[in-house]
PDB file of N, CA and C in Angstrom:
ATOM      1  N   MET A   1       3.158 106.329 253.050  1.00  0.00           N
ATOM      2  CA  MET A   1       1.868 107.290 253.047  1.00  0.00           C
ATOM      3  C   MET A   1       1.537 108.052 251.575  1.00  0.00           C
ATOM      4  N   MET A   2       0.842 108.472 250.867  1.00  0.00           N
ATOM      5  CA  MET A   2       0.523 108.951 250.105  1.00  0.00           C
ATOM      6  C   MET A   2      -0.986 110.000 250.224  1.00  0.00           C
ATOM      7  N   LEU A   3      -0.587 110.963 249.199  1.00  0.00           N
ATOM      8  CA  LEU A   3      -1.505 111.863 249.081  1.00  0.00           C
ATOM      9  C   LEU A   3      -2.142 111.895 247.923  1.00  0.00           C
ATOM     10  N   TYR A   4      -3.766 111.260 247.885  1.00  0.00           N
ATOM     11  CA  TYR A   4      -4.303 111.060 246.780  1.00  0.00           C
ATOM     12  C   TYR A   4      -4.804 112.448 246.367  1.00  0.00           C
ATOM     13  N   ASP A   5      -5.290 113.156 245.024  1.00  0.00           N
ATOM     14  CA  ASP A   5      -5.573 113.978 244.331  1.00  0.00           C
ATOM     15  C   ASP A   5      -6.844 113.622 243.666  1.00  0.00           C
ATOM     16  N   LEU A   6      -8.062 114.215 244.431  1.00  0.00           N
ATOM     17  CA  LEU A   6      -9.183 113.677 244.140  1.00  0.00           C
ATOM     18  C   LEU A   6     -10.085 113.929 242.728  1.00  0.00           C
ATOM     19  N   ASN A   7      -9.292 115.351 242.161  1.00  0.00           N
ATOM     20  CA  ASN A   7      -9.171 115.743 240.823  1.00  0.00           C
ATOM     21  C   ASN A   7      -8.933 115.526 239.752  1.00  0.00           C
ATOM     22  N   ASN A   8      -7.337 115.243 239.976  1.00  0.00           N
ATOM     23  CA  ASN A   8      -6.561 114.913 238.843  1.00  0.00           C
ATOM     24  C   ASN A   8      -6.595 113.120 238.714  1.00  0.00           C
ATOM     25  N   LYS A   9      -6.800 112.622 239.876  1.00  0.00           N
ATOM     26  CA  LYS A   9      -6.527 110.910 240.264  1.00  0.00           C
ATOM     27  C   LYS A   9      -4.990 110.762 239.856  1.00  0.00           C
ATOM     28  N   LEU A  10      -4.468 111.695 240.794  1.00  0.00           N
ATOM     29  CA  LEU A  10      -2.779 111.580 241.210  1.00  0.00           C
ATOM     30  C   LEU A  10      -2.409 111.281 242.083  1.00  0.00           C
ATOM     31  N   TYR A  11      -1.261 110.448 242.602  1.00  0.00           N
ATOM     32  CA  TYR A  11      -0.872 110.356 243.998  1.00  0.00           C
ATOM     33  C   TYR A  11       0.521 110.659 244.292  1.00  0.00           C
ATOM     34  N   TYR A  12       0.884 111.356 245.418  1.00  0.00           N
ATOM     35  CA  TYR A  12       1.894 111.994 245.833  1.00  0.00           C
ATOM     36  C   TYR A  12       2.337 111.277 246.894  1.00  0.00           C
ATOM     37  N   LYS A  13       4.024 110.838 246.636  1.00  0.00           N
ATOM     38  CA  LYS A  13       4.573 110.726 248.203  1.00  0.00           C
ATOM     39  C   LYS A  13       4.819 111.115 249.164  1.00  0.00           C
ATOM     40  N   VAL A  14       4.321 111.055 250.376  1.00  0.00           N
ATOM     41  CA  VAL A  14       4.229 111.616 251.164  1.00  0.00           C
ATOM     42  C   VAL A  14       5.635 110.995 252.190  1.00  0.00           C
ATOM     43  N   ILE A  15       6.501 111.883 253.053  1.00  0.00           N
ATOM     44  CA  ILE A  15       7.613 111.121 254.279  1.00  0.00           C
ATOM     45  C   ILE A  15       7.232 111.813 255.316  1.00  0.00           C
ATOM     46  N   ASN A  16       7.284 110.482 256.774  1.00  0.00           N
ATOM     47  CA  ASN A  16       7.275 111.637 257.489  1.00  0.00           C
ATOM     48  C   ASN A  16       8.508 112.460 257.978  1.00  0.00           C
ATOM     49  N   THR A  17       8.278 113.459 258.449  1.00  0.00           N
ATOM     50  CA  THR A  17       9.067 114.460 258.990  1.00  0.00           C
ATOM     51  C   THR A  17       8.766 115.129 260.171  1.00  0.00           C
ATOM     52  N   SER A  18       9.976 116.028 260.469  1.00  0.00           N
ATOM     53  CA  SER A  18      10.141 117.194 262.049  1.00  0.00           C
ATOM     54  C   SER A  18       9.196 118.086 261.283  1.00  0.00           C
ATOM     55  N   ARG A  19       9.201 119.895 262.345  1.00  0.00           N
ATOM     56  CA  ARG A  19       8.278 120.046 262.290  1.00  0.00           C
ATOM     57  C   ARG A  19       9.277 120.842 261.320  1.00  0.00           C
ATOM     58  N   PRO A  20       9.398 121.607 260.247  1.00  0.00           N
ATOM     59  CA  PRO A  20      10.416 122.578 259.679  1.00  0.00           C
ATOM     60  C   PRO A  20      10.776 123.723 260.416  1.00  0.00           C
ATOM     61  N   LYS A  21      11.687 124.344 260.131  1.00  0.00           N
ATOM     62  CA  LYS A  21      12.970 125.624 260.751  1.00  0.00           C
ATOM     63  C   LYS A  21      12.308 126.741 260.308  1.00  0.00           C
ATOM     64  N   MET A  22      11.134 127.471 260.479  1.00  0.00           N
ATOM     65  CA  MET A  22      10.990 128.704 260.467  1.00  0.00           C
ATOM     66  C   MET A  22      11.413 129.722 261.439  1.00  0.00           C
ATOM     67  N   ALA A  23      12.128 130.004 260.780  1.00  0.00           N
ATOM     68  CA  ALA A  23      12.688 131.553 261.625  1.00  0.00           C
ATOM     69  C   ALA A  23      11.403 132.971 261.882  1.00  0.00           C
ATOM     70  N   LEU A  24      11.814 133.801 262.541  1.00  0.00           N
ATOM     71  CA  LEU A  24      10.691 134.836 262.352  1.00  0.00           C
ATOM     72  C   LEU A  24      11.796 135.515 261.310  1.00  0.00           C
ATOM     73  N   THR A  25      13.222 135.567 261.790  1.00  0.00           N
ATOM     74  CA  THR A  25      13.746 136.377 261.256  1.00  0.00           C
ATOM     75  C   THR A  25      14.343 136.093 259.425  1.00  0.00           C
ATOM     76  N   HIS A  26      14.476 136.592 258.883  1.00  0.00           N
ATOM     77  CA  HIS A  26      15.011 136.199 257.443  1.00  0.00           C
ATOM     78  C   HIS A  26      15.416 135.047 256.887  1.00  0.00           C
ATOM     79  N   GLN A  27      17.003 135.087 257.343  1.00  0.00           N
ATOM     80  CA  GLN A  27      17.914 133.774 257.163  1.00  0.00           C
ATOM     81  C   GLN A  27      18.262 133.156 255.955  1.00  0.00           C
ATOM     82  N   GLY A  28      17.757 134.232 254.573  1.00  0.00           N
ATOM     83  CA  GLY A  28      18.050 133.825 253.453  1.00  0.00           C
ATOM     84  C   GLY A  28      16.735 132.776 253.023  1.00  0.00           C
ATOM     85  N   ARG A  29      15.532 132.680 254.058  1.00  0.00           N
ATOM     86  CA  ARG A  29      14.683 132.122 253.247  1.00  0.00           C
ATOM     87  C   ARG A  29      13.469 132.821 253.286  1.00  0.00           C
ATOM     88  N   THR A  30      12.336 132.357 252.307  1.00  0.00           N
ATOM     89  CA  THR A  30      11.195 132.947 252.094  1.00  0.00           C
ATOM     90  C   THR A  30       9.872 132.169 252.542  1.00  0.00           C
ATOM     91  N   TRP A  31       9.390 131.884 253.655  1.00  0.00           N
ATOM     92  CA  TRP A  31       8.330 130.963 253.706  1.00  0.00           C
ATOM     93  C   TRP A  31       7.044 131.123 253.551  1.00  0.00           C
ATOM     94  N   GLY A  32       5.776 130.263 252.976  1.00  0.00           N
ATOM     95  CA  GLY A  32       4.685 130.992 252.993  1.00  0.00           C
ATOM     96  C   GLY A  32       3.536 129.904 253.164  1.00  0.00           C
ATOM     97  N   TYR A  33       2.551 129.668 252.402  1.00  0.00           N
ATOM     98  CA  TYR A  33       2.009 128.507 252.860  1.00  0.00           C
ATOM     99  C   TYR A  33       0.811 128.607 251.603  1.00  0.00           C
ATOM    100  N   VAL A  34       0.034 127.401 251.281  1.00  0.00           N
ATOM    101  CA  VAL A  34      -1.415 127.257 250.556  1.00  0.00           C
ATOM    102  C   VAL A  34      -2.070 126.449 251.419  1.00  0.00           C
ATOM    103  N   PRO A  35      -3.592 127.002 251.778  1.00  0.00           N
ATOM    104  CA  PRO A  35      -4.677 126.244 252.310  1.00  0.00           C
ATOM    105  C   PRO A  35      -5.187 125.205 251.497  1.00  0.00           C
ATOM    106  N   LYS A  36      -4.899 123.959 251.530  1.00  0.00           N
ATOM    107  CA  LYS A  36      -5.823 123.162 250.667  1.00  0.00           C
ATOM    108  C   LYS A  36      -6.416 122.168 251.707  1.00  0.00           C
ATOM    109  N   GLN A  37      -6.981 121.447 251.563  1.00  0.00           N
ATOM    110  CA  GLN A  37      -8.201 120.411 252.113  1.00  0.00           C
ATOM    111  C   GLN A  37      -7.406 118.757 251.491  1.00  0.00           C
ATOM    112  N   VAL A  38      -7.416 118.256 253.169  1.00  0.00           N
ATOM    113  CA  VAL A  38      -6.712 117.099 253.591  1.00  0.00           C
ATOM    114  C   VAL A  38      -7.292 116.248 254.485  1.00  0.00           C
ATOM    115  N   ASN A  39      -8.234 115.159 253.638  1.00  0.00           N
ATOM    116  CA  ASN A  39      -9.447 114.330 254.461  1.00  0.00           C
ATOM    117  C   ASN A  39     -10.206 115.132 254.520  1.00  0.00           C
ATOM    118  N   GLY A  40     -11.021 116.164 254.080  1.00  0.00           N
ATOM    119  CA  GLY A  40     -12.083 117.128 254.358  1.00  0.00           C
ATOM    120  C   GLY A  40     -11.564 118.265 255.489  1.00  0.00           C
ATOM    121  N   LYS A  41     -10.583 118.300 255.932  1.00  0.00           N
ATOM    122  CA  LYS A  41      -9.790 119.398 256.802  1.00  0.00           C
ATOM    123  C   LYS A  41      -8.738 119.917 256.437  1.00  0.00           C
ATOM    124  N   THR A  42      -8.787 121.358 256.418  1.00  0.00           N
ATOM    125  CA  THR A  42      -8.080 122.778 255.642  1.00  0.00           C
ATOM    126  C   THR A  42      -6.745 122.114 256.372  1.00  0.00           C
ATOM    127  N   ALA A  43      -5.541 122.400 256.042  1.00  0.00           N
ATOM    128  CA  ALA A  43      -4.151 122.157 256.427  1.00  0.00           C
ATOM    129  C   ALA A  43      -3.605 123.203 255.390  1.00  0.00           C
ATOM    130  N   LYS A  44      -2.617 123.728 256.282  1.00  0.00           N
ATOM    131  CA  LYS A  44      -2.029 124.685 255.355  1.00  0.00           C
ATOM    132  C   LYS A  44      -0.255 123.676 255.183  1.00  0.00           C
ATOM    133  N   PHE A  45       0.038 124.347 253.806  1.00  0.00           N
ATOM    134  CA  PHE A  45       1.149 123.436 253.365  1.00  0.00           C
ATOM    135  C   PHE A  45       1.882 124.408 252.933  1.00  0.00           C
ATOM    136  N   TRP A  46       3.113 124.081 253.965  1.00  0.00           N
ATOM    137  CA  TRP A  46       4.223 125.673 253.923  1.00  0.00           C
ATOM    138  C   TRP A  46       5.511 125.361 252.903  1.00  0.00           C
ATOM    139  N   LEU A  47       5.789 126.376 252.139  1.00  0.00           N
ATOM    140  CA  LEU A  47       6.733 125.824 251.543  1.00  0.00           C
ATOM    141  C   LEU A  47       7.994 126.672 251.352  1.00  0.00           C
ATOM    142  N   ASP A  48       9.101 126.749 251.212  1.00  0.00           N
ATOM    143  CA  ASP A  48      10.091 127.767 251.143  1.00  0.00           C
ATOM    144  C   ASP A  48      10.442 128.070 250.028  1.00  0.00           C
ATOM    145  N   TYR A  49       9.770 129.370 249.804  1.00  0.00           N
ATOM    146  CA  TYR A  49      10.082 130.071 247.802  1.00  0.00           C
ATOM    147  C   TYR A  49      11.289 129.886 247.516  1.00  0.00           C
ATOM    148  N   THR A  50      12.411 130.162 248.979  1.00  0.00           N
ATOM    149  CA  THR A  50      13.485 130.292 248.358  1.00  0.00           C
ATOM    150  C   THR A  50      14.458 129.127 247.635  1.00  0.00           C
ATOM    151  N   TRP A  51      14.771 128.324 248.889  1.00  0.00           N
ATOM    152  CA  TRP A  51      15.206 127.050 248.248  1.00  0.00           C
ATOM    153  C   TRP A  51      14.602 125.529 248.446  1.00  0.00           C
ATOM    154  N   GLY A  52      13.495 125.841 248.918  1.00  0.00           N
ATOM    155  CA  GLY A  52      12.510 124.721 249.279  1.00  0.00           C
ATOM    156  C   GLY A  52      12.637 123.465 247.848  1.00  0.00           C
ATOM    157  N   ARG A  53      12.162 122.995 247.981  1.00  0.00           N
ATOM    158  CA  ARG A  53      11.746 121.469 246.950  1.00  0.00           C
ATOM    159  C   ARG A  53      10.585 120.544 247.368  1.00  0.00           C
ATOM    160  N   TYR A  54      10.228 120.441 249.062  1.00  0.00           N
ATOM    161  CA  TYR A  54       8.747 120.009 249.740  1.00  0.00           C
ATOM    162  C   TYR A  54       7.928 121.150 249.930  1.00  0.00           C
ATOM    163  N   MET A  55       6.998 120.403 250.273  1.00  0.00           N
ATOM    164  CA  MET A  55       6.090 121.183 250.850  1.00  0.00           C
ATOM    165  C   MET A  55       5.935 120.455 252.247  1.00  0.00           C
ATOM    166  N   TYR A  56       5.797 120.792 253.369  1.00  0.00           N
ATOM    167  CA  TYR A  56       5.333 120.631 255.025  1.00  0.00           C
ATOM    168  C   TYR A  56       4.123 120.955 255.025  1.00  0.00           C
ATOM    169  N   PHE A  57       3.293 119.869 255.551  1.00  0.00           N
ATOM    170  CA  PHE A  57       2.006 119.959 256.362  1.00  0.00           C
ATOM    171  C   PHE A  57       1.691 119.439 257.995  1.00  0.00           C
ATOM    172  N   GLN A  58       1.540 120.130 258.307  1.00  0.00           N
ATOM    173  CA  GLN A  58       0.599 118.999 259.505  1.00  0.00           C
ATOM    174  C   GLN A  58      -0.549 118.894 259.926  1.00  0.00           C
ATOM    175  N   TYR A  59      -1.135 116.805 260.012  1.00  0.00           N
ATOM    176  CA  TYR A  59      -2.037 116.283 260.175  1.00  0.00           C
ATOM    177  C   TYR A  59      -1.894 115.735 261.260  1.00  0.00           C
ATOM    178  N   ASP A  60      -3.503 115.530 261.979  1.00  0.00           N
ATOM    179  CA  ASP A  60      -3.257 115.048 263.633  1.00  0.00           C
ATOM    180  C   ASP A  60      -1.751 115.224 263.893  1.00  0.00           C
ATOM    181  N   GLU A  61      -1.681 116.224 264.522  1.00  0.00           N
ATOM    182  CA  GLU A  61      -0.268 116.073 264.959  1.00  0.00           C
ATOM    183  C   GLU A  61       0.572 115.865 264.412  1.00  0.00           C
ATOM    184  N   LYS A  62       1.096 115.616 263.506  1.00  0.00           N
ATOM    185  CA  LYS A  62       2.613 114.803 262.636  1.00  0.00           C
ATOM    186  C   LYS A  62       2.684 115.879 261.389  1.00  0.00           C
ATOM    187  N   TRP A  63       3.726 115.793 261.412  1.00  0.00           N
ATOM    188  CA  TRP A  63       4.718 116.802 260.442  1.00  0.00           C
ATOM    189  C   TRP A  63       4.731 115.852 259.046  1.00  0.00           C
ATOM    190  N   TYR A  64       4.495 115.764 257.936  1.00  0.00           N
ATOM    191  CA  TYR A  64       4.888 114.910 256.614  1.00  0.00           C
ATOM    192  C   TYR A  64       5.455 116.476 255.404  1.00  0.00           C
ATOM    193  N   ARG A  65       6.222 115.874 254.117  1.00  0.00           N
ATOM    194  CA  ARG A  65       6.149 116.112 253.479  1.00  0.00           C
ATOM    195  C   ARG A  65       6.184 115.898 252.230  1.00  0.00           C
ATOM    196  N   VAL A  66       6.204 116.173 251.020  1.00  0.00           N
ATOM    197  CA  VAL A  66       5.923 116.037 249.452  1.00  0.00           C
ATOM    198  C   VAL A  66       6.670 116.711 248.576  1.00  0.00           C
ATOM    199  N   GLN A  67       6.670 116.590 247.819  1.00  0.00           N
ATOM    200  CA  GLN A  67       7.943 116.973 246.953  1.00  0.00           C
ATOM    201  C   GLN A  67       6.735 117.041 245.882  1.00  0.00           C
ATOM    202  N   TYR A  68       6.973 119.034 245.613  1.00  0.00           N
ATOM    203  CA  TYR A  68       6.424 119.788 244.498  1.00  0.00           C
ATOM    204  C   TYR A  68       7.334 120.070 243.504  1.00  0.00           C
ATOM    205  N   LEU A  69       6.641 120.680 242.198  1.00  0.00           N
ATOM    206  CA  LEU A  69       7.885 120.343 241.039  1.00  0.00           C
ATOM    207  C   LEU A  69       8.223 122.325 241.395  1.00  0.00           C
ATOM    208  N   GLN A  70       9.028 122.276 241.114  1.00  0.00           N
ATOM    209  CA  GLN A  70       9.793 123.900 241.341  1.00  0.00           C
ATOM    210  C   GLN A  70      10.106 124.319 239.888  1.00  0.00           C
ATOM    211  N   SER A  71      10.098 125.825 239.165  1.00  0.00           N
ATOM    212  CA  SER A  71      10.165 126.069 238.148  1.00  0.00           C
ATOM    213  C   SER A  71      11.880 126.031 237.389  1.00  0.00           C
ATOM    214  N   ASN A  72      12.589 126.184 239.025  1.00  0.00           N
ATOM    215  CA  ASN A  72      14.236 125.744 238.765  1.00  0.00           C
ATOM    216  C   ASN A  72      14.731 124.283 238.852  1.00  0.00           C
ATOM    217  N   TYR A  73      13.487 123.280 239.032  1.00  0.00           N
ATOM    218  CA  TYR A  73      13.641 121.569 239.198  1.00  0.00           C
ATOM    219  C   TYR A  73      14.152 121.520 238.026  1.00  0.00           C
ATOM    220  N   ARG A  74      15.604 120.785 237.814  1.00  0.00           N
ATOM    221  CA  ARG A  74      15.462 120.232 236.606  1.00  0.00           C
ATOM    222  C   ARG A  74      14.941 118.937 235.681  1.00  0.00           C
ATOM    223  N   LYS A  75      13.585 118.713 234.425  1.00  0.00           N
ATOM    224  CA  LYS A  75      12.607 117.632 234.532  1.00  0.00           C
ATOM    225  C   LYS A  75      13.998 116.996 233.578  1.00  0.00           C
ATOM    226  N   LYS A  76      13.358 116.016 233.499  1.00  0.00           N
ATOM    227  CA  LYS A  76      14.470 114.663 232.574  1.00  0.00           C
ATOM    228  C   LYS A  76      12.415 114.445 231.657  1.00  0.00           C
ATOM    229  N   ASN A  77      12.695 113.729 230.243  1.00  0.00           N
ATOM    230  CA  ASN A  77      11.714 113.170 229.303  1.00  0.00           C
ATOM    231  C   ASN A  77      11.119 112.156 230.299  1.00  0.00           C
ATOM    232  N   GLY A  78      11.698 111.121 230.825  1.00  0.00           N
ATOM    233  CA  GLY A  78      11.050 110.220 232.201  1.00  0.00           C
ATOM    234  C   GLY A  78       9.819 111.391 233.047  1.00  0.00           C
ATOM    235  N   ASP A  79      10.254 112.101 233.109  1.00  0.00           N
ATOM    236  CA  ASP A  79       9.699 112.896 233.943  1.00  0.00           C
ATOM    237  C   ASP A  79       8.280 113.104 233.727  1.00  0.00           C
ATOM    238  N   VAL A  80       8.422 113.159 232.525  1.00  0.00           N
ATOM    239  CA  VAL A  80       6.943 113.940 231.816  1.00  0.00           C
ATOM    240  C   VAL A  80       6.033 112.856 231.998  1.00  0.00           C
ATOM    241  N   PHE A  81       6.537 111.292 231.943  1.00  0.00           N
ATOM    242  CA  PHE A  81       5.130 110.415 231.950  1.00  0.00           C
ATOM    243  C   PHE A  81       5.264 109.849 233.084  1.00  0.00           C
ATOM    244  N   ASN A  82       6.203 110.102 234.297  1.00  0.00           N
ATOM    245  CA  ASN A  82       5.926 109.804 235.704  1.00  0.00           C
ATOM    246  C   ASN A  82       4.866 110.947 235.917  1.00  0.00           C
ATOM    247  N   GLY A  83       4.306 112.023 235.733  1.00  0.00           N
ATOM    248  CA  GLY A  83       2.822 113.267 235.859  1.00  0.00           C
ATOM    249  C   GLY A  83       4.249 113.612 237.123  1.00  0.00           C
ATOM    250  N   VAL A  84       5.256 114.377 237.155  1.00  0.00           N
ATOM    251  CA  VAL A  84       6.040 114.879 237.777  1.00  0.00           C
ATOM    252  C   VAL A  84       5.596 116.572 237.322  1.00  0.00           C
ATOM    253  N   LEU A  85       5.031 116.857 236.318  1.00  0.00           N
ATOM    254  CA  LEU A  85       4.975 118.285 235.948  1.00  0.00           C
ATOM    255  C   LEU A  85       3.904 119.225 236.174  1.00  0.00           C
ATOM    256  N   ILE A  86       3.247 117.939 237.326  1.00  0.00           N
ATOM    257  CA  ILE A  86       2.115 118.708 238.411  1.00  0.00           C
ATOM    258  C   ILE A  86       2.279 119.540 239.269  1.00  0.00           C
ATOM    259  N   ASN A  87       2.273 120.909 239.056  1.00  0.00           N
ATOM    260  CA  ASN A  87       2.527 121.562 240.284  1.00  0.00           C
ATOM    261  C   ASN A  87       1.478 121.598 241.707  1.00  0.00           C
ATOM    262  N   LEU A  88       1.798 121.173 242.233  1.00  0.00           N
ATOM    263  CA  LEU A  88       1.443 121.140 243.177  1.00  0.00           C
ATOM    264  C   LEU A  88       0.447 122.055 244.190  1.00  0.00           C
ATOM    265  N   ILE A  89       1.465 123.095 243.617  1.00  0.00           N
ATOM    266  CA  ILE A  89       1.291 124.046 244.549  1.00  0.00           C
ATOM    267  C   ILE A  89      -0.351 124.524 244.150  1.00  0.00           C
ATOM    268  N   VAL A  90      -0.213 124.813 242.501  1.00  0.00           N
ATOM    269  CA  VAL A  90      -1.764 125.551 242.327  1.00  0.00           C
ATOM    270  C   VAL A  90      -2.896 123.852 242.287  1.00  0.00           C
ATOM    271  N   ASP A  91      -1.811 122.893 241.753  1.00  0.00           N
ATOM    272  CA  ASP A  91      -3.711 121.903 241.639  1.00  0.00           C
ATOM    273  C   ASP A  91      -3.452 120.951 242.944  1.00  0.00           C
ATOM    274  N   GLY A  92      -4.304 120.380 243.089  1.00  0.00           N
ATOM    275  CA  GLY A  92      -4.710 119.668 244.002  1.00  0.00           C
ATOM    276  C   GLY A  92      -5.302 120.062 245.266  1.00  0.00           C
ATOM    277  N   GLN A  93      -6.931 120.620 244.619  1.00  0.00           N
ATOM    278  CA  GLN A  93      -7.150 121.097 246.418  1.00  0.00           C
ATOM    279  C   GLN A  93      -7.772 120.373 247.445  1.00  0.00           C
ATOM    280  N   GLU A  94      -8.027 119.419 246.899  1.00  0.00           N
ATOM    281  CA  GLU A  94      -8.893 118.338 247.655  1.00  0.00           C
ATOM    282  C   GLU A  94      -7.716 117.111 247.628  1.00  0.00           C
ATOM    283  N   LEU A  95      -7.173 116.525 248.551  1.00  0.00           N
ATOM    284  CA  LEU A  95      -6.314 115.667 248.625  1.00  0.00           C
ATOM    285  C   LEU A  95      -7.374 114.313 249.616  1.00  0.00           C
ATOM    286  N   LYS A  96      -6.491 113.698 249.357  1.00  0.00           N
ATOM    287  CA  LYS A  96      -7.114 112.597 250.840  1.00  0.00           C
ATOM    288  C   LYS A  96      -5.228 111.438 250.675  1.00  0.00           C
ATOM    289  N   LEU A  97      -5.099 111.618 252.326  1.00  0.00           N
ATOM    290  CA  LEU A  97      -3.895 111.085 252.626  1.00  0.00           C
ATOM    291  C   LEU A  97      -4.136 109.353 253.363  1.00  0.00           C
ATOM    292  N   VAL A  98      -3.621 108.684 252.720  1.00  0.00           N
ATOM    293  CA  VAL A  98      -3.744 107.203 252.687  1.00  0.00           C
ATOM    294  C   VAL A  98      -2.221 106.586 252.781  1.00  0.00           C
ATOM    295  N   ARG A  99      -2.877 105.439 253.577  1.00  0.00           N
ATOM    296  CA  ARG A  99      -1.707 104.641 253.913  1.00  0.00           C
ATOM    297  C   ARG A  99      -1.384 104.012 252.564  1.00  0.00           C
ATOM    298  N   GLY A 100      -0.260 103.521 252.722  1.00  0.00           N
ATOM    299  CA  GLY A 100       0.068 102.278 251.034  1.00  0.00           C
ATOM    300  C   GLY A 100       1.522 103.109 250.669  1.00  0.00           C
ATOM    301  N   ASN A 101       1.414 102.406 249.593  1.00  0.00           N
ATOM    302  CA  ASN A 101       3.183 102.119 248.651  1.00  0.00           C
ATOM    303  C   ASN A 101       2.687 103.092 246.980  1.00  0.00           C
ATOM    304  N   ILE A 102       3.673 103.932 247.140  1.00  0.00           N
ATOM    305  CA  ILE A 102       3.495 104.592 245.895  1.00  0.00           C
ATOM    306  C   ILE A 102       3.403 103.990 244.819  1.00  0.00           C
ATOM    307  N   GLU A 103       4.257 103.155 244.064  1.00  0.00           N
ATOM    308  CA  GLU A 103       4.632 102.241 243.458  1.00  0.00           C
ATOM    309  C   GLU A 103       3.166 101.384 242.779  1.00  0.00           C
ATOM    310  N   LYS A 104       2.811 100.712 244.022  1.00  0.00           N
ATOM    311  CA  LYS A 104       1.495  99.937 243.827  1.00  0.00           C
ATOM    312  C   LYS A 104       0.462 101.108 243.632  1.00  0.00           C
ATOM    313  N   ALA A 105       0.053 101.765 244.037  1.00  0.00           N
ATOM    314  CA  ALA A 105      -0.881 102.602 243.580  1.00  0.00           C
ATOM    315  C   ALA A 105      -0.453 103.557 242.280  1.00  0.00           C
ATOM    316  N   ARG A 106       0.349 103.901 241.741  1.00  0.00           N
ATOM    317  CA  ARG A 106       0.490 104.361 240.188  1.00  0.00           C
ATOM    318  C   ARG A 106      -0.158 102.904 239.661  1.00  0.00           C
ATOM    319  N   LYS A 107      -0.168 101.693 239.463  1.00  0.00           N
ATOM    320  CA  LYS A 107      -0.214 100.580 238.329  1.00  0.00           C
ATOM    321  C   LYS A 107      -1.680 100.248 239.324  1.00  0.00           C
ATOM    322  N   LEU A 108      -1.739 100.524 240.376  1.00  0.00           N
ATOM    323  CA  LEU A 108      -3.765 100.817 240.240  1.00  0.00           C
ATOM    324  C   LEU A 108      -4.311 101.261 239.869  1.00  0.00           C
ATOM    325  N   ALA A 109      -3.553 102.739 239.276  1.00  0.00           N
ATOM    326  CA  ALA A 109      -4.695 103.747 238.960  1.00  0.00           C
ATOM    327  C   ALA A 109      -4.531 104.007 237.376  1.00  0.00           C
ATOM    328  N   LEU A 110      -3.478 103.310 236.584  1.00  0.00           N
ATOM    329  CA  LEU A 110      -3.466 102.596 235.232  1.00  0.00           C
ATOM    330  C   LEU A 110      -4.321 101.819 234.331  1.00  0.00           C
TER     331      LEU A 110
END
């Protein structure tokens, strides 16, 4: 599965997952969410500000995760050309969840 950013024309790889374990007690993690539009519906993208590298969201009663750029994430020169430097927390307010392979979609976008 993929998330397609309508404004920036970028694809993000999405992985099926289970619901993240968000406890009411601290346990060394700080959870928050960012509201975004997915296929015209508002969805909460949950992220762990302390240790996380993924954003979790629920769509049609299924949970998905997508990687976002973190300030402490190590970047390589190749990542700059692959579009990894886009921060999904800030960008990507209107997204479309589509089926398909991320590698094929990147070729179509060029």
